[in-house]
Amino acid sequence: GIGKAIMDRLEQLAKRDGATNAKLHG
């Protein structure tokens, strides 16, 4: 579940910093 933990934390930080959407090259 480490990948999910990374993603959850990155999304939290993104929202904190004002992001309304996310993108990635998967």
PDB file of all heavy atoms in Angstrom:
ATOM      1  N   GLY A   1       0.800  -1.220   0.000  1.00  0.00           N
ATOM      2  CA  GLY A   1       0.000   0.000   0.000  1.00  0.00           C
ATOM      3  C   GLY A   1       0.832   1.269   0.000  1.00  0.00           C
ATOM      4  O   GLY A   1       0.301   2.356   0.210  1.00  0.00           O
ATOM      5  N   ILE A   2       2.117   1.151  -0.236  1.00  0.00           N
ATOM      6  CA  ILE A   2       3.000   2.310  -0.193  1.00  0.00           C
ATOM      7  C   ILE A   2       2.727   3.258  -1.358  1.00  0.00           C
ATOM      8  O   ILE A   2       2.722   4.475  -1.192  1.00  0.00           O
ATOM      9  CB  ILE A   2       4.471   1.859  -0.145  1.00  0.00           C
ATOM     10  CG1 ILE A   2       4.708   1.188   1.217  1.00  0.00           C
ATOM     11  CG2 ILE A   2       5.436   3.024  -0.369  1.00  0.00           C
ATOM     12  CD1 ILE A   2       5.927   0.350   1.304  1.00  0.00           C
ATOM     13  N   GLY A   3       2.461   2.698  -2.538  1.00  0.00           N
ATOM     14  CA  GLY A   3       2.139   3.540  -3.689  1.00  0.00           C
ATOM     15  C   GLY A   3       0.918   4.402  -3.419  1.00  0.00           C
ATOM     16  O   GLY A   3       0.908   5.606  -3.720  1.00  0.00           O
ATOM     17  N   LYS A   4      -0.107   3.825  -2.828  1.00  0.00           N
ATOM     18  CA  LYS A   4      -1.305   4.586  -2.495  1.00  0.00           C
ATOM     19  C   LYS A   4      -0.988   5.667  -1.456  1.00  0.00           C
ATOM     20  O   LYS A   4      -1.473   6.790  -1.546  1.00  0.00           O
ATOM     21  CB  LYS A   4      -2.417   3.662  -1.988  1.00  0.00           C
ATOM     22  CG  LYS A   4      -3.715   4.416  -1.697  1.00  0.00           C
ATOM     23  CD  LYS A   4      -4.806   3.498  -1.205  1.00  0.00           C
ATOM     24  CE  LYS A   4      -6.125   4.180  -0.998  1.00  0.00           C
ATOM     25  NZ  LYS A   4      -6.095   5.505  -0.376  1.00  0.00           N
ATOM     26  N   ALA A   5      -0.162   5.336  -0.468  1.00  0.00           N
ATOM     27  CA  ALA A   5       0.221   6.318   0.552  1.00  0.00           C
ATOM     28  C   ALA A   5       0.964   7.494  -0.086  1.00  0.00           C
ATOM     29  O   ALA A   5       0.738   8.654   0.287  1.00  0.00           O
ATOM     30  CB  ALA A   5       1.077   5.657   1.629  1.00  0.00           C
ATOM     31  N   ILE A   6       1.840   7.205  -1.046  1.00  0.00           N
ATOM     32  CA  ILE A   6       2.554   8.276  -1.754  1.00  0.00           C
ATOM     33  C   ILE A   6       1.549   9.164  -2.477  1.00  0.00           C
ATOM     34  O   ILE A   6       1.590  10.395  -2.358  1.00  0.00           O
ATOM     35  CB  ILE A   6       3.562   7.694  -2.773  1.00  0.00           C
ATOM     36  CG1 ILE A   6       4.693   6.953  -2.068  1.00  0.00           C
ATOM     37  CG2 ILE A   6       4.118   8.799  -3.684  1.00  0.00           C
ATOM     38  CD1 ILE A   6       5.526   6.077  -3.003  1.00  0.00           C
ATOM     39  N   MET A   7       0.647   8.545  -3.220  1.00  0.00           N
ATOM     40  CA  MET A   7      -0.333   9.308  -4.004  1.00  0.00           C
ATOM     41  C   MET A   7      -1.238  10.146  -3.107  1.00  0.00           C
ATOM     42  O   MET A   7      -1.510  11.313  -3.394  1.00  0.00           O
ATOM     43  CB  MET A   7      -1.155   8.366  -4.876  1.00  0.00           C
ATOM     44  CG  MET A   7      -0.355   7.672  -5.963  1.00  0.00           C
ATOM     45  SD  MET A   7       0.328   8.820  -7.180  1.00  0.00           S
ATOM     46  CE  MET A   7      -1.187   9.370  -7.962  1.00  0.00           C
ATOM     47  N   ASP A   8      -1.718   9.553  -2.014  1.00  0.00           N
ATOM     48  CA  ASP A   8      -2.588  10.294  -1.089  1.00  0.00           C
ATOM     49  C   ASP A   8      -1.880  11.533  -0.555  1.00  0.00           C
ATOM     50  O   ASP A   8      -2.450  12.623  -0.515  1.00  0.00           O
ATOM     51  CB  ASP A   8      -3.023   9.407   0.083  1.00  0.00           C
ATOM     52  CG  ASP A   8      -4.021   8.330  -0.310  1.00  0.00           C
ATOM     53  OD1 ASP A   8      -4.578   8.381  -1.435  1.00  0.00           O
ATOM     54  OD2 ASP A   8      -4.243   7.411   0.514  1.00  0.00           O
ATOM     55  N   ARG A   9      -0.628  11.368  -0.149  1.00  0.00           N
ATOM     56  CA  ARG A   9       0.129  12.496   0.415  1.00  0.00           C
ATOM     57  C   ARG A   9       0.419  13.548  -0.650  1.00  0.00           C
ATOM     58  O   ARG A   9       0.298  14.748  -0.389  1.00  0.00           O
ATOM     59  CB  ARG A   9       1.434  11.981   1.041  1.00  0.00           C
ATOM     60  CG  ARG A   9       2.141  13.021   1.870  1.00  0.00           C
ATOM     61  CD  ARG A   9       1.359  13.315   3.152  1.00  0.00           C
ATOM     62  NE  ARG A   9       2.116  14.217   3.985  1.00  0.00           N
ATOM     63  CZ  ARG A   9       1.745  15.472   4.250  1.00  0.00           C
ATOM     64  NH1 ARG A   9       0.617  15.945   3.778  1.00  0.00           N
ATOM     65  NH2 ARG A   9       2.482  16.241   5.012  1.00  0.00           N
ATOM     66  N   LEU A  10       0.794  13.121  -1.870  1.00  0.00           N
ATOM     67  CA  LEU A  10       1.036  14.085  -2.943  1.00  0.00           C
ATOM     68  C   LEU A  10      -0.231  14.873  -3.257  1.00  0.00           C
ATOM     69  O   LEU A  10      -0.178  16.098  -3.458  1.00  0.00           O
ATOM     70  CB  LEU A  10       1.553  13.379  -4.203  1.00  0.00           C
ATOM     71  CG  LEU A  10       2.963  12.810  -4.131  1.00  0.00           C
ATOM     72  CD1 LEU A  10       3.261  11.999  -5.392  1.00  0.00           C
ATOM     73  CD2 LEU A  10       4.003  13.903  -3.941  1.00  0.00           C
ATOM     74  N   GLU A  11      -1.369  14.202  -3.300  1.00  0.00           N
ATOM     75  CA  GLU A  11      -2.630  14.897  -3.576  1.00  0.00           C
ATOM     76  C   GLU A  11      -2.985  15.857  -2.449  1.00  0.00           C
ATOM     77  O   GLU A  11      -3.473  16.960  -2.706  1.00  0.00           O
ATOM     78  CB  GLU A  11      -3.749  13.887  -3.818  1.00  0.00           C
ATOM     79  CG  GLU A  11      -3.604  13.166  -5.144  1.00  0.00           C
ATOM     80  CD  GLU A  11      -4.679  12.113  -5.377  1.00  0.00           C
ATOM     81  OE1 GLU A  11      -5.595  11.956  -4.533  1.00  0.00           O
ATOM     82  OE2 GLU A  11      -4.602  11.431  -6.426  1.00  0.00           O
ATOM     83  N   GLN A  12      -2.729  15.487  -1.197  1.00  0.00           N
ATOM     84  CA  GLN A  12      -2.958  16.399  -0.069  1.00  0.00           C
ATOM     85  C   GLN A  12      -2.119  17.665  -0.224  1.00  0.00           C
ATOM     86  O   GLN A  12      -2.617  18.782  -0.027  1.00  0.00           O
ATOM     87  CB  GLN A  12      -2.591  15.732   1.260  1.00  0.00           C
ATOM     88  CG  GLN A  12      -3.533  14.680   1.740  1.00  0.00           C
ATOM     89  CD  GLN A  12      -2.959  13.936   2.963  1.00  0.00           C
ATOM     90  OE1 GLN A  12      -1.850  14.210   3.426  1.00  0.00           O
ATOM     91  NE2 GLN A  12      -3.724  12.981   3.468  1.00  0.00           N
ATOM     92  N   LEU A  13      -0.846  17.491  -0.547  1.00  0.00           N
ATOM     93  CA  LEU A  13       0.047  18.636  -0.714  1.00  0.00           C
ATOM     94  C   LEU A  13      -0.398  19.502  -1.895  1.00  0.00           C
ATOM     95  O   LEU A  13      -0.342  20.736  -1.816  1.00  0.00           O
ATOM     96  CB  LEU A  13       1.486  18.167  -0.905  1.00  0.00           C
ATOM     97  CG  LEU A  13       2.116  17.452   0.298  1.00  0.00           C
ATOM     98  CD1 LEU A  13       3.467  16.860  -0.077  1.00  0.00           C
ATOM     99  CD2 LEU A  13       2.244  18.387   1.490  1.00  0.00           C
ATOM    100  N   ALA A  14      -0.830  18.867  -2.964  1.00  0.00           N
ATOM    101  CA  ALA A  14      -1.296  19.605  -4.133  1.00  0.00           C
ATOM    102  C   ALA A  14      -2.507  20.467  -3.778  1.00  0.00           C
ATOM    103  O   ALA A  14      -2.563  21.651  -4.134  1.00  0.00           O
ATOM    104  CB  ALA A  14      -1.642  18.635  -5.264  1.00  0.00           C
ATOM    105  N   LYS A  15      -3.457  19.890  -3.061  1.00  0.00           N
ATOM    106  CA  LYS A  15      -4.649  20.657  -2.644  1.00  0.00           C
ATOM    107  C   LYS A  15      -4.251  21.804  -1.712  1.00  0.00           C
ATOM    108  O   LYS A  15      -4.746  22.916  -1.848  1.00  0.00           O
ATOM    109  CB  LYS A  15      -5.659  19.743  -1.950  1.00  0.00           C
ATOM    110  CG  LYS A  15      -6.380  18.819  -2.907  1.00  0.00           C
ATOM    111  CD  LYS A  15      -7.445  18.035  -2.146  1.00  0.00           C
ATOM    112  CE  LYS A  15      -7.533  16.631  -2.637  1.00  0.00           C
ATOM    113  NZ  LYS A  15      -8.478  15.806  -1.904  1.00  0.00           N
ATOM    114  N   ARG A  16      -3.352  21.513  -0.790  1.00  0.00           N
ATOM    115  CA  ARG A  16      -2.872  22.546   0.134  1.00  0.00           C
ATOM    116  C   ARG A  16      -2.300  23.735  -0.633  1.00  0.00           C
ATOM    117  O   ARG A  16      -2.482  24.884  -0.251  1.00  0.00           O
ATOM    118  CB  ARG A  16      -1.790  21.953   1.046  1.00  0.00           C
ATOM    119  CG  ARG A  16      -1.117  22.967   1.966  1.00  0.00           C
ATOM    120  CD  ARG A  16       0.200  22.481   2.511  1.00  0.00           C
ATOM    121  NE  ARG A  16       1.241  22.499   1.481  1.00  0.00           N
ATOM    122  CZ  ARG A  16       2.450  21.970   1.632  1.00  0.00           C
ATOM    123  NH1 ARG A  16       2.768  21.345   2.747  1.00  0.00           N
ATOM    124  NH2 ARG A  16       3.339  22.045   0.655  1.00  0.00           N
ATOM    125  N   ASP A  17      -1.623  23.419  -1.741  1.00  0.00           N
ATOM    126  CA  ASP A  17      -0.965  24.460  -2.527  1.00  0.00           C
ATOM    127  C   ASP A  17      -1.851  25.032  -3.635  1.00  0.00           C
ATOM    128  O   ASP A  17      -1.371  25.745  -4.513  1.00  0.00           O
ATOM    129  CB  ASP A  17       0.345  23.918  -3.104  1.00  0.00           C
ATOM    130  CG  ASP A  17       1.368  23.616  -2.003  1.00  0.00           C
ATOM    131  OD1 ASP A  17       1.230  24.153  -0.882  1.00  0.00           O
ATOM    132  OD2 ASP A  17       2.298  22.841  -2.272  1.00  0.00           O
ATOM    133  N   GLY A  18      -3.156  24.705  -3.600  1.00  0.00           N
ATOM    134  CA  GLY A  18      -4.111  25.354  -4.487  1.00  0.00           C
ATOM    135  C   GLY A  18      -4.480  24.623  -5.765  1.00  0.00           C
ATOM    136  O   GLY A  18      -5.219  25.147  -6.594  1.00  0.00           O
ATOM    137  N   ALA A  19      -4.003  23.401  -5.943  1.00  0.00           N
ATOM    138  CA  ALA A  19      -4.338  22.658  -7.169  1.00  0.00           C
ATOM    139  C   ALA A  19      -5.790  22.181  -7.129  1.00  0.00           C
ATOM    140  O   ALA A  19      -6.302  21.782  -6.082  1.00  0.00           O
ATOM    141  CB  ALA A  19      -3.403  21.470  -7.335  1.00  0.00           C
ATOM    142  N   THR A  20      -6.439  22.213  -8.283  1.00  0.00           N
ATOM    143  CA  THR A  20      -7.810  21.730  -8.396  1.00  0.00           C
ATOM    144  C   THR A  20      -7.892  20.448  -9.218  1.00  0.00           C
ATOM    145  O   THR A  20      -8.916  19.780  -9.235  1.00  0.00           O
ATOM    146  CB  THR A  20      -8.716  22.800  -9.036  1.00  0.00           C
ATOM    147  OG1 THR A  20      -8.152  23.198 -10.288  1.00  0.00           O
ATOM    148  CG2 THR A  20      -8.842  24.011  -8.118  1.00  0.00           C
ATOM    149  N   ASN A  21      -6.818  20.126  -9.927  1.00  0.00           N
ATOM    150  CA  ASN A  21      -6.766  18.867 -10.664  1.00  0.00           C
ATOM    151  C   ASN A  21      -5.318  18.398 -10.727  1.00  0.00           C
ATOM    152  O   ASN A  21      -4.402  19.146 -10.418  1.00  0.00           O
ATOM    153  CB  ASN A  21      -7.410  18.990 -12.051  1.00  0.00           C
ATOM    154  CG  ASN A  21      -6.883  20.158 -12.839  1.00  0.00           C
ATOM    155  OD1 ASN A  21      -5.722  20.170 -13.242  1.00  0.00           O
ATOM    156  ND2 ASN A  21      -7.708  21.157 -13.065  1.00  0.00           N
ATOM    157  N   ALA A  22      -5.170  17.139 -11.121  1.00  0.00           N
ATOM    158  CA  ALA A  22      -3.847  16.531 -11.151  1.00  0.00           C
ATOM    159  C   ALA A  22      -3.640  15.798 -12.463  1.00  0.00           C
ATOM    160  O   ALA A  22      -4.595  15.338 -13.087  1.00  0.00           O
ATOM    161  CB  ALA A  22      -3.689  15.555  -9.982  1.00  0.00           C
ATOM    162  N   LYS A  23      -2.366  15.703 -12.840  1.00  0.00           N
ATOM    163  CA  LYS A  23      -2.014  14.903 -14.008  1.00  0.00           C
ATOM    164  C   LYS A  23      -0.698  14.201 -13.722  1.00  0.00           C
ATOM    165  O   LYS A  23       0.073  14.622 -12.855  1.00  0.00           O
ATOM    166  CB  LYS A  23      -1.904  15.768 -15.266  1.00  0.00           C
ATOM    167  CG  LYS A  23      -0.731  16.731 -15.278  1.00  0.00           C
ATOM    168  CD  LYS A  23      -0.696  17.508 -16.583  1.00  0.00           C
ATOM    169  CE  LYS A  23       0.489  18.456 -16.639  1.00  0.00           C
ATOM    170  NZ  LYS A  23       0.550  19.168 -17.918  1.00  0.00           N
ATOM    171  N   LEU A  24      -0.466  13.127 -14.465  1.00  0.00           N
ATOM    172  CA  LEU A  24       0.786  12.400 -14.349  1.00  0.00           C
ATOM    173  C   LEU A  24       1.017  11.614 -15.621  1.00  0.00           C
ATOM    174  O   LEU A  24       0.081  11.346 -16.380  1.00  0.00           O
ATOM    175  CB  LEU A  24       0.781  11.483 -13.117  1.00  0.00           C
ATOM    176  CG  LEU A  24      -0.312  10.418 -13.010  1.00  0.00           C
ATOM    177  CD1 LEU A  24       0.075   9.133 -13.736  1.00  0.00           C
ATOM    178  CD2 LEU A  24      -0.577  10.100 -11.553  1.00  0.00           C
ATOM    179  N   HIS A  25       2.263  11.287 -15.858  1.00  0.00           N
ATOM    180  CA  HIS A  25       2.642  10.384 -16.940  1.00  0.00           C
ATOM    181  C   HIS A  25       2.868   9.029 -16.278  1.00  0.00           C
ATOM    182  O   HIS A  25       3.901   8.804 -15.657  1.00  0.00           O
ATOM    183  CB  HIS A  25       3.914  10.850 -17.647  1.00  0.00           C
ATOM    184  CG  HIS A  25       3.738  12.116 -18.411  1.00  0.00           C
ATOM    185  ND1 HIS A  25       4.782  12.734 -19.051  1.00  0.00           N
ATOM    186  CD2 HIS A  25       2.650  12.878 -18.649  1.00  0.00           C
ATOM    187  CE1 HIS A  25       4.337  13.838 -19.651  1.00  0.00           C
ATOM    188  NE2 HIS A  25       3.047  13.938 -19.406  1.00  0.00           N
ATOM    189  N   GLY A  26       1.886   8.140 -16.387  1.00  0.00           N
ATOM    190  CA  GLY A  26       1.974   6.838 -15.743  1.00  0.00           C
ATOM    191  C   GLY A  26       2.527   5.791 -16.695  1.00  0.00           C
ATOM    192  O   GLY A  26       2.130   5.739 -17.863  1.00  0.00           O
TER     193      GLY A  26
END
